[in-house]
Amino acid sequence: MSSGPPPPGWPGDLAPPEPLSAADAKDTSDLLSVLEEYLVRCLFSKNWQLREAALQHLEKRLSGQVSDTRFLRSDDFAQTKLNWMTGGRCKPFMK
């Protein structure tokens, strides 16, 4: 699976993230359904600068500072975050 290019507004001075391990790929399947693989790989990177950059980028997206949200659907992201935080015990949002 290719991670694709970094998202718009990504810091150009950072190395690309390493591939997800098999265990991380399994654990991140919900995140991969709402975020591009590049960001997920950064979030799970061994490189703390990539993890920090990914969190800052997501914060900018959610606050509207980065306008490219083609990979992030807020309802799906919120549901995924709740599922991740509760170990899957959260009921789906009403649609």
C-alpha atoms as a PDB file:
ATOM      1  CA  MET A   1       0.000   0.000   0.000  1.00  0.00           C
ATOM      2  CA  SER A   2       1.392   3.373  -1.002  1.00  0.00           C
ATOM      3  CA  SER A   3       1.135   6.210   1.470  1.00  0.00           C
ATOM      4  CA  GLY A   4       0.841   8.858  -1.223  1.00  0.00           C
ATOM      5  CA  PRO A   5       2.181  12.386  -0.961  1.00  0.00           C
ATOM      6  CA  PRO A   6       2.134  14.460   2.213  1.00  0.00           C
ATOM      7  CA  PRO A   7      -1.031  16.508   2.723  1.00  0.00           C
ATOM      8  CA  PRO A   8      -1.127  20.164   1.638  1.00  0.00           C
ATOM      9  CA  GLY A   9       0.611  22.412   4.152  1.00  0.00           C
ATOM     10  CA  TRP A  10       2.861  19.614   5.437  1.00  0.00           C
ATOM     11  CA  PRO A  11       6.339  20.744   6.651  1.00  0.00           C
ATOM     12  CA  GLY A  12       8.778  20.049   3.807  1.00  0.00           C
ATOM     13  CA  ASP A  13      11.791  19.469   6.042  1.00  0.00           C
ATOM     14  CA  LEU A  14      10.567  16.183   7.581  1.00  0.00           C
ATOM     15  CA  ALA A  15      11.541  12.710   6.417  1.00  0.00           C
ATOM     16  CA  PRO A  16       8.706  10.509   5.142  1.00  0.00           C
ATOM     17  CA  PRO A  17       7.127   8.156   7.694  1.00  0.00           C
ATOM     18  CA  GLU A  18       8.095   4.507   7.861  1.00  0.00           C
ATOM     19  CA  PRO A  19       5.553   1.870   6.765  1.00  0.00           C
ATOM     20  CA  LEU A  20       3.015   0.685   9.337  1.00  0.00           C
ATOM     21  CA  SER A  21       3.872  -2.588  11.037  1.00  0.00           C
ATOM     22  CA  ALA A  22       1.379  -5.420  10.600  1.00  0.00           C
ATOM     23  CA  ALA A  23       0.140  -4.853  14.161  1.00  0.00           C
ATOM     24  CA  ASP A  24      -0.213  -1.092  13.657  1.00  0.00           C
ATOM     25  CA  ALA A  25      -2.008  -1.620  10.336  1.00  0.00           C
ATOM     26  CA  LYS A  26      -4.565  -3.796  12.123  1.00  0.00           C
ATOM     27  CA  ASP A  27      -4.944  -1.307  14.987  1.00  0.00           C
ATOM     28  CA  THR A  28      -5.342   1.667  12.639  1.00  0.00           C
ATOM     29  CA  SER A  29      -7.956   0.294  10.246  1.00  0.00           C
ATOM     30  CA  ASP A  30     -10.608   2.696  11.594  1.00  0.00           C
ATOM     31  CA  LEU A  31      -8.280   5.692  11.285  1.00  0.00           C
ATOM     32  CA  LEU A  32      -7.349   4.681   7.744  1.00  0.00           C
ATOM     33  CA  SER A  33     -11.023   4.881   6.816  1.00  0.00           C
ATOM     34  CA  VAL A  34     -11.127   8.621   7.603  1.00  0.00           C
ATOM     35  CA  LEU A  35      -7.532   9.856   7.227  1.00  0.00           C
ATOM     36  CA  GLU A  36      -5.013   9.435   4.463  1.00  0.00           C
ATOM     37  CA  GLU A  37      -2.389   6.784   5.125  1.00  0.00           C
ATOM     38  CA  TYR A  38       0.443   9.333   5.195  1.00  0.00           C
ATOM     39  CA  LEU A  39      -0.999  11.016   8.305  1.00  0.00           C
ATOM     40  CA  VAL A  40      -1.756   7.707  10.020  1.00  0.00           C
ATOM     41  CA  ARG A  41       1.793   6.532   9.364  1.00  0.00           C
ATOM     42  CA  CYS A  42       3.066   9.788  10.879  1.00  0.00           C
ATOM     43  CA  LEU A  43       0.843   9.373  13.935  1.00  0.00           C
ATOM     44  CA  PHE A  44       2.316   5.904  14.539  1.00  0.00           C
ATOM     45  CA  SER A  45       5.889   6.781  13.557  1.00  0.00           C
ATOM     46  CA  LYS A  46       8.872   6.126  15.812  1.00  0.00           C
ATOM     47  CA  ASN A  47       9.987   9.671  14.906  1.00  0.00           C
ATOM     48  CA  TRP A  48       8.496  12.071  17.444  1.00  0.00           C
ATOM     49  CA  GLN A  49       8.748  15.000  15.004  1.00  0.00           C
ATOM     50  CA  LEU A  50       6.409  13.192  12.588  1.00  0.00           C
ATOM     51  CA  ARG A  51       3.934  12.389  15.379  1.00  0.00           C
ATOM     52  CA  GLU A  52       3.996  16.025  16.513  1.00  0.00           C
ATOM     53  CA  ALA A  53       3.580  17.333  12.941  1.00  0.00           C
ATOM     54  CA  ALA A  54       0.631  14.984  12.334  1.00  0.00           C
ATOM     55  CA  LEU A  55      -1.135  16.127  15.503  1.00  0.00           C
ATOM     56  CA  GLN A  56      -0.535  19.788  14.635  1.00  0.00           C
ATOM     57  CA  HIS A  57      -1.808  19.210  11.100  1.00  0.00           C
ATOM     58  CA  LEU A  58      -4.986  17.531  12.367  1.00  0.00           C
ATOM     59  CA  GLU A  59      -5.524  20.349  14.852  1.00  0.00           C
ATOM     60  CA  LYS A  60      -5.258  22.893  12.008  1.00  0.00           C
ATOM     61  CA  ARG A  61      -7.729  20.898   9.887  1.00  0.00           C
ATOM     62  CA  LEU A  62     -10.257  20.652  12.687  1.00  0.00           C
ATOM     63  CA  SER A  63      -9.965  24.349  13.502  1.00  0.00           C
ATOM     64  CA  GLY A  64     -10.310  25.329   9.830  1.00  0.00           C
ATOM     65  CA  GLN A  65      -6.775  26.725   9.474  1.00  0.00           C
ATOM     66  CA  VAL A  66      -6.096  24.184   6.703  1.00  0.00           C
ATOM     67  CA  SER A  67      -8.860  24.175   4.147  1.00  0.00           C
ATOM     68  CA  ASP A  68      -8.078  20.822   2.484  1.00  0.00           C
ATOM     69  CA  THR A  69     -10.374  18.411   4.283  1.00  0.00           C
ATOM     70  CA  ARG A  70     -10.951  16.005   1.388  1.00  0.00           C
ATOM     71  CA  PHE A  71      -9.599  13.131   3.479  1.00  0.00           C
ATOM     72  CA  LEU A  72     -11.342  14.048   6.715  1.00  0.00           C
ATOM     73  CA  ARG A  73     -15.076  13.728   7.251  1.00  0.00           C
ATOM     74  CA  SER A  74     -15.760  15.219  10.680  1.00  0.00           C
ATOM     75  CA  ASP A  75     -18.599  12.850  11.685  1.00  0.00           C
ATOM     76  CA  ASP A  76     -16.551   9.804  10.710  1.00  0.00           C
ATOM     77  CA  PHE A  77     -13.468  11.211  12.418  1.00  0.00           C
ATOM     78  CA  ALA A  78     -15.371  11.923  15.643  1.00  0.00           C
ATOM     79  CA  GLN A  79     -16.901   8.451  15.616  1.00  0.00           C
ATOM     80  CA  THR A  80     -13.521   6.841  14.988  1.00  0.00           C
ATOM     81  CA  LYS A  81     -11.926   8.860  17.780  1.00  0.00           C
ATOM     82  CA  LEU A  82     -14.665   7.814  20.202  1.00  0.00           C
ATOM     83  CA  ASN A  83     -14.340   4.179  19.190  1.00  0.00           C
ATOM     84  CA  TRP A  84     -10.572   4.354  19.570  1.00  0.00           C
ATOM     85  CA  MET A  85     -10.811   6.014  22.984  1.00  0.00           C
ATOM     86  CA  THR A  86     -13.467   3.626  24.303  1.00  0.00           C
ATOM     87  CA  GLY A  87     -12.080   0.429  22.825  1.00  0.00           C
ATOM     88  CA  GLY A  88     -15.018   0.138  20.408  1.00  0.00           C
ATOM     89  CA  ARG A  89     -17.714   0.426  23.082  1.00  0.00           C
ATOM     90  CA  CYS A  90     -19.249   3.601  21.606  1.00  0.00           C
ATOM     91  CA  LYS A  91     -22.503   3.275  19.667  1.00  0.00           C
ATOM     92  CA  PRO A  92     -22.528   4.800  16.157  1.00  0.00           C
ATOM     93  CA  PHE A  93     -23.859   8.328  15.738  1.00  0.00           C
ATOM     94  CA  MET A  94     -27.376   8.694  14.450  1.00  0.00           C
ATOM     95  CA  LYS A  95     -27.304   9.307  10.689  1.00  0.00           C
END
